[in-house]
Structures are given as structure tokens and as C-alpha cells.
Amino acid sequence: MTRSDAAGEVRPRPAGIDAVTVLTVYLVLLLAVPSSYAISALGSAGKPAALWALGAALWWAASRVQRFVPSRSDARAVKIGIFAFGGAVLVSYAVAMLRGLSLDEVSPADGSILRLVGWLGIALVASDGIDDRDRFRTLLRRVVIAGTLMAILGLLQFVTGQSLLDWVSIPGFSSDVSGLAGVQSRGGFVRASGTAIHPLEYGTVLCVAFPIAVALAIDDRVRPTLPRWLPVFVIGAASMLAVSRSTLVGLVAGVALLVPGWSRGVKVGFAIVSALTVAAVGVLVPGMVGTLRGLFLGIGGDASTGSRIAGVDSMTDMLARFPVSGKGFGTFLPAYHILDNQYLLLTIETGILGLTTFLALIACAIWSAWKARRITTDPLDRSLVQSVLASTVAAAVLLAFFDGFSFPMSAGLMFFLIGLCGGSLRLSLRQQREAAIRLPLRQSLPRSAIPQHS
């Protein structure tokens, strides 16, 4: 097997498993296996994606021991952020254990640390392991395929009013929730959840996949029109029919970051298509547009809004008691209060230290993707890096609307995207260095030695 690098040179593709394969398997386990299922003997810690993520963390660590190559300083921002946040959480955990926890809190705290190691491992693999632009594109296409399949399942759940997953029975696995969220309802409409535990987790998958799908539809012109644009329509329709205010906010946040890079024609075309899609939903699903409008107009009296406001009081009280290191990562149980805001929950559990380092990690990821886009010269790659940035922002925005780290899909995708932001900058810097080396070499060669292309 061969691959083409950014310079157009053909290099042999290394045999065996590469980072894209590891990340693809992770996506499959994360999104295809229902979130509520875990290996029975391991309890909640036995979710396949979580176990694979732990293996990925060990794989990354082993690769660093065998072949440690220091990165350029600009490409290390995300990795520094990853270790800083991981360190802050470990400090929180250690302080909580020294202070003493109730028996009900010890096991969740241990499980949360294991999940965190897996999430950080996935971020490190995505940041350090992708060595080829073609493989980077392949991984993003797979993200869109996964998001499209999730959207199709959600649309079928919406139409039938059934979870369609009741028949799923995996030997050795059990579900840690009673029933699936696919039969919840709001405003008289079914709230689909795909294979997720909760509709908001399902909405995160759609918001992450949509910007990447749009970027591929506009700029990946080597493929036919229908395969490029069908995922955009399917994911967009599923997002509207998710009956979720948060999902729509996340979708708009992602698209808003794509628009500045579009030409005038693309902007006009996208606006027309979006208007037609909303009109089609209004005709095919009577009452849906009014329900969505009501979700925003009635936000002040919404029960979920009241719960989020009450969560601020809980955060203030806990922060006064544990200001620096927090109560302990994973120790603020749902039985105490459901905050519906991961940033509030993170402040309670890890204090100012944990919240600050996590926000810094997100900032490092956004900055890395922004710089990668500036460096990258290929139009498709520029568009894809911008879409990764947009998806990262959309996922970060959604964390303000629910406790995303309590759900495997939303948490896993957040750190997956953070790693991709770092990886995109590493690839772009390498492309820039190779171009700088080739230019003097090409100028020094006699004209007859330079290949001529017709």
C-alpha cells in the first residue's frame, strides 16, 4: 500500500494498525454500540468504547517510549493542555480521597478517573498519531458516515415512535439504564436518541458531524454530488426533528464558524437550501416549526431552565467549600442534583483549577485548528480544518446545556475533536517545513532535471 504526502510524493504506508484505524474502531464502538450497554462483569466501567480508549492510551504511551520525537513548540499546545487538565483532575481526586469520601462516591470517582484516562488517550492518539493528509481526510469522512447513520436511526425513531433497539442483545453485555431514550417526547413529538442514552447526547453527535459533512459537500469535489450532499440533508433534518433547543443552538454555532470561509455563492445557496428545508419540515411535520419556536420563546418558564438556574446555587455553595481542587472528580452524584451544565459540574468537582485548565484546553484546541487553517494551502484541507474547529466549538457550547461528561458519546467526541485540532496543526506544520525544504532544492537544480508536467 502507498500514500501521498502533502508534497505529492508517494510513500509506503506502514503495515499494521495506525492511529486512524484505532480512532475508527473507537468511533464504531462509541456510536454503534448503544451507550447504555456494558460488559456485565465490569459494570458501568465495562463499556466497549471506554475499554478501547484505555487501550489506545496505553498504545500511545508505548509508542512514546519506543520512539519519542519532540514536537515543534506550536504543535504542543494541545498536548500541554491535555496533561494540564489531566493533572488538575488527578489533584482533585487525590485531595478528595485524602479528605475522605462516602462509600457511594468512591466507586463513581474511580470509574470517572478511568474514563478520563481513556478520553485523554484518544485525544493524544488523534493529536500525535495521524501522519498523512489522506488518512486525516479518511477519518473525517468516517465521522460523517457515522453521524449520517445515527441521524437515519433517529429519523426512523421519530417516524415510528419506537427505539428500534429493543431487539439488541449482545452476549455478555447488560444495560445500565431501564429502557432507551428513543421513546421520550416533547411537545407531542418523539425525541429520538439513536443509540445514545439521552436525546442531548444524540444531538451532540449530529452537531459534531454536520460541519464536517458541509465542508466535504462543498469542497470534496472528487466525489459525486449526491453522496456529498445527502449526509448534509439527513443530519440537518434529524437535528430539526430532534425537538431539542440545545441541538439547534449547537448546530447554529457550528455553521456560524463555517460561513466566513464561504464564497458569496455558497452563502446564498446554503441560505436558500436551509429555508427550503425548514419549509419542508413545516409541511411534512405539521406543528414542528411552532414547537421549535415555542422552545425558544418559552425558555424563561421552562423546567430545564429552572434546573440550570438552581444549579448555579449548588455550584456557589460547593465552590465556597472546595474552591481550588473541588469536591472530587465524579463525586457530585445525580442524586444530589442534576446540573444540566458540564461547566458548573466541573467547577464543583474540580474547582477553579479544573475549570481553568479545561477551558484552556479548549482554547488551545481552537487556536491550533485556527493556525492550521492559516498554514494549510490545499482548499479541501483548509475547509476540513475549519470544520473540525466548528465541530469543536459546537461540542463545547453543548456542554453548557447538559452534563456531557456523564454521557460516553458527548465526552468521547469532545476529546476526539480536541485531539484532531492538535493533529491538524502538526500536519500543517510538517507540510510547511517540507515545502520550505523543497523550494531551495528545486531552485538549485538545473531546469532539465526538474520534472515537467503537461
Protein backbone atom coordinates (compact mmCIF):
# COMPACT_ATOMS: atom_id res chain seq x y z
CA MET A 1 0.00 0.00 0.00
CA THR A 2 1.14 3.54 -0.73
CA ARG A 3 0.11 7.02 0.29
CA SER A 4 0.72 10.52 -0.99
CA ASP A 5 2.13 13.14 1.35
CA ALA A 6 1.44 16.84 1.28
CA ALA A 7 4.25 17.32 -1.22
CA GLY A 8 2.73 14.95 -3.70
CA GLU A 9 5.44 12.35 -3.13
CA VAL A 10 4.45 8.71 -2.80
CA ARG A 11 5.49 7.00 0.41
CA PRO A 12 4.87 3.42 1.53
CA ARG A 13 2.11 3.13 4.08
CA PRO A 14 3.35 1.37 7.20
CA ALA A 15 1.97 -2.10 7.69
CA GLY A 16 -0.21 -2.78 10.70
CA ILE A 17 -2.60 -0.66 12.72
CA ASP A 18 -2.26 3.10 12.51
CA ALA A 19 -3.88 5.88 14.51
CA VAL A 20 -6.76 6.32 12.06
CA THR A 21 -7.65 2.64 12.43
CA VAL A 22 -7.55 2.94 16.23
CA LEU A 23 -9.74 6.04 16.14
CA THR A 24 -12.16 4.48 13.65
CA VAL A 25 -12.69 1.45 15.88
CA TYR A 26 -13.27 3.84 18.77
CA LEU A 27 -15.95 5.70 16.79
CA VAL A 28 -17.67 2.44 15.89
CA LEU A 29 -17.71 1.22 19.50
CA LEU A 30 -18.75 4.65 20.76
CA LEU A 31 -21.63 5.24 18.35
CA ALA A 32 -22.75 1.81 17.11
CA VAL A 33 -22.98 0.06 20.48
CA PRO A 34 -25.87 1.54 22.49
CA SER A 35 -24.46 3.83 25.20
CA SER A 36 -26.30 2.00 27.94
CA TYR A 37 -24.59 -1.33 27.25
CA ALA A 38 -21.56 -2.54 29.18
CA ILE A 39 -19.83 -5.85 29.85
CA SER A 40 -21.84 -7.33 32.69
CA ALA A 41 -18.88 -8.44 34.80
CA LEU A 42 -17.33 -4.95 34.76
CA GLY A 43 -20.46 -2.90 35.43
CA SER A 44 -20.51 0.71 34.22
CA ALA A 45 -16.73 0.61 33.67
CA GLY A 46 -17.15 -2.08 31.03
CA LYS A 47 -18.41 -0.01 28.11
CA PRO A 48 -16.59 -1.20 24.97
CA ALA A 49 -15.59 2.30 23.83
CA ALA A 50 -14.18 3.12 27.28
CA LEU A 51 -12.10 -0.07 27.34
CA TRP A 52 -10.83 0.57 23.82
CA ALA A 53 -9.94 4.13 24.82
CA LEU A 54 -7.87 2.82 27.74
CA GLY A 55 -6.08 0.53 25.31
CA ALA A 56 -5.48 3.49 23.00
CA ALA A 57 -3.93 5.43 25.91
CA LEU A 58 -1.55 2.54 26.60
CA TRP A 59 -0.78 2.25 22.88
CA TRP A 60 0.11 5.94 22.73
CA ALA A 61 2.29 5.67 25.84
CA ALA A 62 4.12 2.63 24.43
CA SER A 63 4.77 4.43 21.15
CA ARG A 64 6.27 7.40 23.00
CA VAL A 65 8.60 5.11 24.95
CA GLN A 66 9.76 3.31 21.82
CA ARG A 67 10.14 6.36 19.61
CA PHE A 68 9.95 9.73 21.30
CA VAL A 69 10.29 12.58 18.82
CA PRO A 70 9.88 16.07 20.34
CA SER A 71 7.23 18.15 18.59
CA ARG A 72 7.60 21.71 17.43
CA SER A 73 6.50 24.10 20.16
CA ASP A 74 3.46 25.36 18.25
CA ALA A 75 2.12 21.83 17.81
CA ARG A 76 2.46 21.01 21.51
CA ALA A 77 -0.24 23.38 22.77
CA VAL A 78 -3.00 20.78 22.78
CA LYS A 79 -0.80 18.14 24.42
CA ILE A 80 0.25 20.58 27.14
CA GLY A 81 -3.44 21.37 27.69
CA ILE A 82 -4.30 17.67 27.87
CA PHE A 83 -1.70 16.97 30.55
CA ALA A 84 -2.58 20.14 32.47
CA PHE A 85 -6.25 19.21 32.63
CA GLY A 86 -5.44 15.60 33.48
CA GLY A 87 -3.14 16.79 36.25
CA ALA A 88 -5.81 19.11 37.66
CA VAL A 89 -8.33 16.26 37.77
CA LEU A 90 -5.83 13.95 39.48
CA VAL A 91 -5.15 16.64 42.09
CA SER A 92 -8.89 16.89 42.68
CA TYR A 93 -9.15 13.11 43.02
CA ALA A 94 -6.20 12.85 45.39
CA VAL A 95 -7.40 15.68 47.63
CA ALA A 96 -10.89 14.16 47.76
CA MET A 97 -9.51 10.74 48.74
CA LEU A 98 -7.33 12.25 51.46
CA ARG A 99 -10.27 14.25 52.76
CA GLY A 100 -12.49 11.18 52.76
CA LEU A 101 -15.48 10.25 50.60
CA SER A 102 -18.72 8.48 51.36
CA LEU A 103 -18.97 4.88 50.19
CA ASP A 104 -21.45 5.91 47.48
CA GLU A 105 -18.90 8.33 46.00
CA VAL A 106 -15.75 6.18 45.93
CA SER A 107 -16.71 3.87 43.07
CA PRO A 108 -18.01 6.69 40.78
CA ALA A 109 -14.81 8.64 41.44
CA ASP A 110 -12.62 5.64 40.49
CA GLY A 111 -14.68 5.00 37.37
CA SER A 112 -14.51 8.64 36.35
CA ILE A 113 -10.70 8.62 36.53
CA LEU A 114 -10.54 5.53 34.32
CA ARG A 115 -12.86 7.14 31.78
CA LEU A 116 -10.78 10.31 31.85
CA VAL A 117 -7.59 8.37 31.10
CA GLY A 118 -9.35 6.86 28.08
CA TRP A 119 -10.61 10.24 26.83
CA LEU A 120 -7.16 11.79 27.16
CA GLY A 121 -5.64 8.76 25.44
CA ILE A 122 -7.96 9.21 22.45
CA ALA A 123 -7.06 12.92 22.32
CA LEU A 124 -3.34 12.09 22.35
CA VAL A 125 -3.65 9.46 19.63
CA ALA A 126 -5.59 11.90 17.43
CA SER A 127 -3.09 14.68 18.12
CA ASP A 128 0.11 12.65 17.68
CA GLY A 129 -0.71 9.68 15.51
CA ILE A 130 -2.12 10.83 12.17
CA ASP A 131 0.84 11.18 9.80
CA ASP A 132 -0.86 11.62 6.46
CA ARG A 133 -3.34 14.12 4.98
CA ASP A 134 -5.21 11.42 3.09
CA ARG A 135 -5.72 9.45 6.30
CA PHE A 136 -6.90 12.62 8.05
CA ARG A 137 -9.49 13.11 5.31
CA THR A 138 -10.49 9.45 5.50
CA LEU A 139 -11.11 9.73 9.25
CA LEU A 140 -13.33 12.80 8.80
CA ARG A 141 -15.33 11.06 6.08
CA ARG A 142 -15.91 8.21 8.54
CA VAL A 143 -17.12 10.69 11.15
CA VAL A 144 -19.71 11.91 8.64
CA ILE A 145 -20.77 8.35 7.78
CA ALA A 146 -21.23 7.58 11.49
CA GLY A 147 -23.21 10.79 12.02
CA THR A 148 -25.40 10.05 8.99
CA LEU A 149 -26.22 6.54 10.18
CA MET A 150 -27.05 7.90 13.63
CA ALA A 151 -29.31 10.52 12.03
CA ILE A 152 -31.09 7.90 9.93
CA LEU A 153 -31.77 5.82 13.04
CA GLY A 154 -33.06 8.92 14.81
CA LEU A 155 -35.39 9.75 11.92
CA LEU A 156 -36.77 6.21 11.96
CA GLN A 157 -37.34 6.51 15.71
CA PHE A 158 -39.14 9.80 15.17
CA VAL A 159 -41.41 8.32 12.49
CA THR A 160 -42.19 5.03 14.25
CA GLY A 161 -42.22 6.25 17.86
CA GLN A 162 -40.11 3.22 18.80
CA SER A 163 -36.50 2.93 19.94
CA LEU A 164 -35.92 0.17 17.31
CA LEU A 165 -33.16 -1.17 19.56
CA ASP A 166 -35.27 -3.43 21.78
CA TRP A 167 -34.08 -6.43 19.80
CA VAL A 168 -30.41 -5.70 20.55
CA SER A 169 -28.97 -8.34 22.83
CA ILE A 170 -25.19 -8.71 23.00
CA PRO A 171 -23.96 -11.83 24.84
CA GLY A 172 -22.09 -10.86 27.99
CA PHE A 173 -23.48 -7.32 27.96
CA SER A 174 -26.17 -5.68 30.04
CA SER A 175 -27.85 -2.29 30.00
CA ASP A 176 -27.23 0.08 32.92
CA VAL A 177 -30.43 2.05 32.27
CA SER A 178 -34.01 0.88 32.14
CA GLY A 179 -35.08 1.36 28.57
CA LEU A 180 -33.75 3.64 25.89
CA ALA A 181 -34.43 7.31 25.42
CA GLY A 182 -35.84 6.90 21.93
CA VAL A 183 -39.44 6.99 23.20
CA GLN A 184 -39.22 10.24 25.16
CA SER A 185 -41.45 13.01 23.93
CA ARG A 186 -41.71 16.79 23.97
CA GLY A 187 -44.47 18.98 22.60
CA GLY A 188 -46.29 15.89 21.34
CA PHE A 189 -43.32 14.74 19.27
CA VAL A 190 -40.95 11.82 19.82
CA ARG A 191 -37.45 12.87 20.91
CA ALA A 192 -35.12 10.49 19.14
CA SER A 193 -31.86 9.38 20.72
CA GLY A 194 -30.36 6.94 18.22
CA THR A 195 -28.04 4.64 20.17
CA ALA A 196 -27.42 7.29 22.82
CA ILE A 197 -28.71 7.27 26.39
CA HIS A 198 -30.26 10.75 26.10
CA PRO A 199 -31.51 12.98 23.25
CA LEU A 200 -28.89 15.63 24.11
CA GLU A 201 -26.12 13.07 23.68
CA TYR A 202 -27.65 12.16 20.31
CA GLY A 203 -27.81 15.86 19.44
CA THR A 204 -24.10 16.21 20.17
CA VAL A 205 -23.30 13.55 17.56
CA LEU A 206 -25.37 15.43 14.97
CA CYS A 207 -23.79 18.81 15.81
CA VAL A 208 -20.29 17.34 15.56
CA ALA A 209 -20.89 15.60 12.23
CA PHE A 210 -22.80 18.42 10.50
CA PRO A 211 -19.99 20.99 9.95
CA ILE A 212 -17.68 18.27 8.63
CA ALA A 213 -20.44 16.99 6.32
CA VAL A 214 -20.97 20.51 4.96
CA ALA A 215 -17.23 21.01 4.36
CA LEU A 216 -16.96 17.73 2.47
CA ALA A 217 -20.09 18.50 0.45
CA ILE A 218 -18.73 21.87 -0.69
CA ASP A 219 -15.06 21.09 -1.28
CA ASP A 220 -14.61 17.33 -1.70
CA ARG A 221 -15.46 17.52 -5.41
CA VAL A 222 -13.79 14.31 -6.47
CA ARG A 223 -16.95 12.52 -5.33
CA PRO A 224 -20.39 12.70 -7.00
CA THR A 225 -22.83 15.38 -5.85
CA LEU A 226 -25.46 13.14 -4.21
CA PRO A 227 -23.11 11.20 -1.89
CA ARG A 228 -21.60 14.53 -0.82
CA TRP A 229 -24.83 16.37 -0.06
CA LEU A 230 -27.09 13.58 1.19
CA PRO A 231 -25.43 13.47 4.66
CA VAL A 232 -25.97 17.24 4.99
CA PHE A 233 -29.71 16.93 4.35
CA VAL A 234 -30.13 13.83 6.54
CA ILE A 235 -28.19 15.23 9.53
CA GLY A 236 -29.82 18.66 9.15
CA ALA A 237 -33.33 17.18 9.08
CA ALA A 238 -32.59 14.91 12.04
CA SER A 239 -31.32 17.92 14.01
CA MET A 240 -34.58 19.80 13.45
CA LEU A 241 -36.68 16.77 14.32
CA ALA A 242 -34.70 16.10 17.49
CA VAL A 243 -37.05 18.58 19.26
CA SER A 244 -34.06 19.96 21.12
CA ARG A 245 -33.31 23.62 21.71
CA SER A 246 -29.72 22.78 22.65
CA THR A 247 -29.12 20.79 19.46
CA LEU A 248 -30.27 23.70 17.31
CA VAL A 249 -28.03 26.11 19.24
CA GLY A 250 -25.06 23.79 18.72
CA LEU A 251 -25.87 23.42 15.03
CA VAL A 252 -26.05 27.18 14.52
CA ALA A 253 -22.79 27.68 16.45
CA GLY A 254 -21.01 25.25 14.17
CA VAL A 255 -22.39 26.69 10.95
CA ALA A 256 -21.62 30.26 12.07
CA LEU A 257 -17.92 29.38 12.12
CA LEU A 258 -18.07 27.92 8.61
CA VAL A 259 -19.80 30.87 6.94
CA PRO A 260 -16.82 33.31 6.92
CA GLY A 261 -14.83 30.92 4.73
CA TRP A 262 -17.54 30.52 2.10
CA SER A 263 -17.85 32.39 -1.17
CA ARG A 264 -20.87 34.60 -1.75
CA GLY A 265 -22.45 31.99 -4.00
CA VAL A 266 -22.10 29.26 -1.37
CA LYS A 267 -23.59 31.51 1.31
CA VAL A 268 -26.62 32.32 -0.85
CA GLY A 269 -27.08 28.68 -1.85
CA PHE A 270 -26.84 27.44 1.71
CA ALA A 271 -29.34 30.05 2.90
CA ILE A 272 -31.82 29.01 0.19
CA VAL A 273 -31.40 25.30 0.96
CA SER A 274 -31.81 25.94 4.70
CA ALA A 275 -35.01 27.92 4.11
CA LEU A 276 -36.40 25.18 1.87
CA THR A 277 -35.52 22.54 4.48
CA VAL A 278 -37.36 24.45 7.21
CA ALA A 279 -40.36 24.88 4.89
CA ALA A 280 -40.33 21.16 4.03
CA VAL A 281 -40.25 20.21 7.71
CA GLY A 282 -43.15 22.59 8.35
CA VAL A 283 -45.22 20.94 5.59
CA LEU A 284 -44.29 17.30 6.24
CA VAL A 285 -44.43 17.54 10.05
CA PRO A 286 -47.29 19.90 10.97
CA GLY A 287 -46.69 21.73 14.22
CA MET A 288 -42.95 21.07 14.38
CA VAL A 289 -41.87 24.60 13.44
CA GLY A 290 -44.26 26.07 16.02
CA THR A 291 -42.97 23.67 18.67
CA LEU A 292 -39.37 24.65 17.97
CA ARG A 293 -40.30 28.33 18.09
CA GLY A 294 -42.03 27.75 21.41
CA LEU A 295 -38.90 26.13 22.87
CA PHE A 296 -37.06 29.42 22.45
CA LEU A 297 -39.89 31.84 23.20
CA GLY A 298 -40.84 29.96 26.37
CA ILE A 299 -37.31 29.50 27.63
CA GLY A 300 -37.92 31.57 30.78
CA GLY A 301 -40.62 29.25 32.12
CA ASP A 302 -39.04 26.00 31.00
CA ALA A 303 -38.42 23.38 33.73
CA SER A 304 -34.94 22.65 32.36
CA THR A 305 -34.09 26.35 32.57
CA GLY A 306 -35.15 26.39 36.22
CA SER A 307 -32.98 23.37 36.91
CA ARG A 308 -29.97 25.06 35.34
CA ILE A 309 -30.51 28.22 37.38
CA ALA A 310 -30.78 26.16 40.56
CA GLY A 311 -27.50 24.52 39.61
CA VAL A 312 -25.71 27.85 39.97
CA ASP A 313 -26.67 27.92 43.64
CA SER A 314 -25.25 24.41 44.11
CA MET A 315 -22.02 25.46 42.41
CA THR A 316 -21.70 28.58 44.57
CA ASP A 317 -22.16 26.58 47.77
CA MET A 318 -19.68 23.86 46.79
CA LEU A 319 -17.14 26.34 45.45
CA ALA A 320 -17.16 28.15 48.79
CA ARG A 321 -16.32 24.85 50.50
CA PHE A 322 -13.79 23.49 47.97
CA PRO A 323 -12.59 26.45 45.88
CA VAL A 324 -9.30 25.21 44.41
CA SER A 325 -9.48 21.46 43.86
CA GLY A 326 -13.23 20.94 44.12
CA LYS A 327 -15.25 18.20 45.74
CA GLY A 328 -13.59 15.46 43.69
CA PHE A 329 -13.96 14.41 40.06
CA GLY A 330 -17.01 12.19 39.65
CA THR A 331 -18.25 12.62 43.22
CA PHE A 332 -21.19 15.00 42.69
CA LEU A 333 -23.80 12.34 42.03
CA PRO A 334 -27.06 12.83 40.09
CA ALA A 335 -28.89 12.02 43.32
CA TYR A 336 -27.63 15.32 44.75
CA HIS A 337 -28.71 17.50 41.84
CA ILE A 338 -28.73 17.26 38.04
CA LEU A 339 -26.99 20.42 36.92
CA ASP A 340 -27.52 20.23 33.12
CA ASN A 341 -24.30 22.18 32.71
CA GLN A 342 -20.94 20.44 32.50
CA TYR A 343 -19.00 23.61 33.27
CA LEU A 344 -20.88 24.06 36.56
CA LEU A 345 -20.39 20.38 37.35
CA LEU A 346 -16.69 20.57 36.53
CA THR A 347 -16.33 23.61 38.80
CA ILE A 348 -17.97 21.75 41.67
CA GLU A 349 -15.93 18.58 41.19
CA THR A 350 -12.50 20.00 40.24
CA GLY A 351 -12.68 23.59 41.48
CA ILE A 352 -11.21 26.65 39.83
CA LEU A 353 -8.11 24.64 38.87
CA GLY A 354 -10.04 22.05 36.88
CA LEU A 355 -12.36 24.52 35.17
CA THR A 356 -9.50 26.83 34.21
CA THR A 357 -7.37 24.05 32.72
CA PHE A 358 -10.31 22.62 30.78
CA LEU A 359 -11.19 25.99 29.30
CA ALA A 360 -7.50 26.46 28.48
CA LEU A 361 -7.52 23.06 26.75
CA ILE A 362 -10.49 24.07 24.59
CA ALA A 363 -8.76 27.38 23.80
CA CYS A 364 -5.58 25.52 22.79
CA ALA A 365 -7.58 23.25 20.51
CA ILE A 366 -9.39 26.16 18.84
CA TRP A 367 -6.14 28.11 18.43
CA SER A 368 -4.37 25.07 16.96
CA ALA A 369 -7.10 24.49 14.37
CA TRP A 370 -7.20 28.22 13.54
CA LYS A 371 -3.44 28.30 12.98
CA ALA A 372 -3.55 25.07 10.97
CA ARG A 373 -6.13 26.60 8.67
CA ARG A 374 -3.93 29.64 8.09
CA ILE A 375 -0.92 27.48 7.24
CA THR A 376 -2.70 24.92 5.05
CA THR A 377 -2.67 25.69 1.34
CA ASP A 378 -4.94 22.96 -0.04
CA PRO A 379 -8.56 24.23 -0.29
CA LEU A 380 -10.13 20.95 0.87
CA ASP A 381 -7.78 20.66 3.84
CA ARG A 382 -8.42 24.29 4.81
CA SER A 383 -12.15 23.64 4.73
CA LEU A 384 -11.84 20.42 6.73
CA VAL A 385 -9.69 22.03 9.42
CA GLN A 386 -12.23 24.85 9.69
CA SER A 387 -14.99 22.26 10.06
CA VAL A 388 -13.09 20.50 12.86
CA LEU A 389 -12.78 23.86 14.60
CA ALA A 390 -16.52 24.45 14.12
CA SER A 391 -17.41 21.00 15.45
CA THR A 392 -15.19 21.54 18.49
CA VAL A 393 -16.90 24.83 19.29
CA ALA A 394 -20.35 23.25 18.79
CA ALA A 395 -19.49 20.41 21.18
CA ALA A 396 -18.09 22.89 23.72
CA VAL A 397 -21.26 25.01 23.51
CA LEU A 398 -23.44 21.96 24.12
CA LEU A 399 -21.56 21.19 27.34
CA ALA A 400 -23.22 24.31 28.76
CA PHE A 401 -26.63 22.66 28.31
CA PHE A 402 -26.12 19.25 29.92
CA ASP A 403 -23.62 17.30 31.98
CA GLY A 404 -21.85 15.96 28.90
CA PHE A 405 -19.09 14.06 30.73
CA SER A 406 -21.76 11.81 32.22
CA PHE A 407 -22.56 10.50 28.73
CA PRO A 408 -19.96 8.48 26.79
CA MET A 409 -20.71 9.82 23.30
CA SER A 410 -20.58 13.51 24.11
CA ALA A 411 -17.46 13.22 26.27
CA GLY A 412 -15.68 10.88 23.86
CA LEU A 413 -16.37 13.10 20.86
CA MET A 414 -15.26 16.23 22.73
CA PHE A 415 -11.79 14.83 23.40
CA PHE A 416 -11.65 13.19 19.97
CA LEU A 417 -12.15 16.63 18.40
CA ILE A 418 -9.63 18.28 20.72
CA GLY A 419 -7.06 15.74 19.54
CA LEU A 420 -7.93 16.34 15.88
CA CYS A 421 -7.35 20.08 16.36
CA GLY A 422 -3.84 19.36 17.61
CA GLY A 423 -3.26 16.80 14.89
CA SER A 424 -4.31 19.21 12.15
CA LEU A 425 -1.71 21.74 13.28
CA ARG A 426 1.01 19.09 13.42
CA LEU A 427 0.22 18.02 9.86
CA SER A 428 0.10 21.61 8.63
CA LEU A 429 3.45 22.50 10.22
CA ARG A 430 5.06 19.43 8.70
CA GLN A 431 3.65 20.35 5.30
CA GLN A 432 5.07 23.85 5.71
CA ARG A 433 8.52 22.56 6.68
CA GLU A 434 8.63 20.13 3.74
CA ALA A 435 7.66 22.90 1.35
CA ALA A 436 10.41 25.13 2.75
CA ILE A 437 12.98 22.36 2.24
CA ARG A 438 11.84 21.52 -1.30
CA LEU A 439 11.85 25.09 -2.62
CA PRO A 440 15.62 25.76 -2.29
CA LEU A 441 16.33 22.27 -3.58
CA ARG A 442 14.16 22.81 -6.62
CA GLN A 443 15.76 26.20 -7.29
CA SER A 444 19.26 24.69 -7.13
CA LEU A 445 18.52 22.01 -9.73
CA PRO A 446 19.14 22.66 -13.43
CA ARG A 447 15.95 23.18 -15.37
CA SER A 448 16.44 19.93 -17.29
CA ALA A 449 16.42 17.96 -14.01
CA ILE A 450 13.04 19.32 -12.90
CA PRO A 451 10.13 17.07 -13.98
CA GLN A 452 7.87 18.79 -16.46
CA HIS A 453 4.12 18.18 -16.22
CA SER A 454 1.84 18.71 -19.17
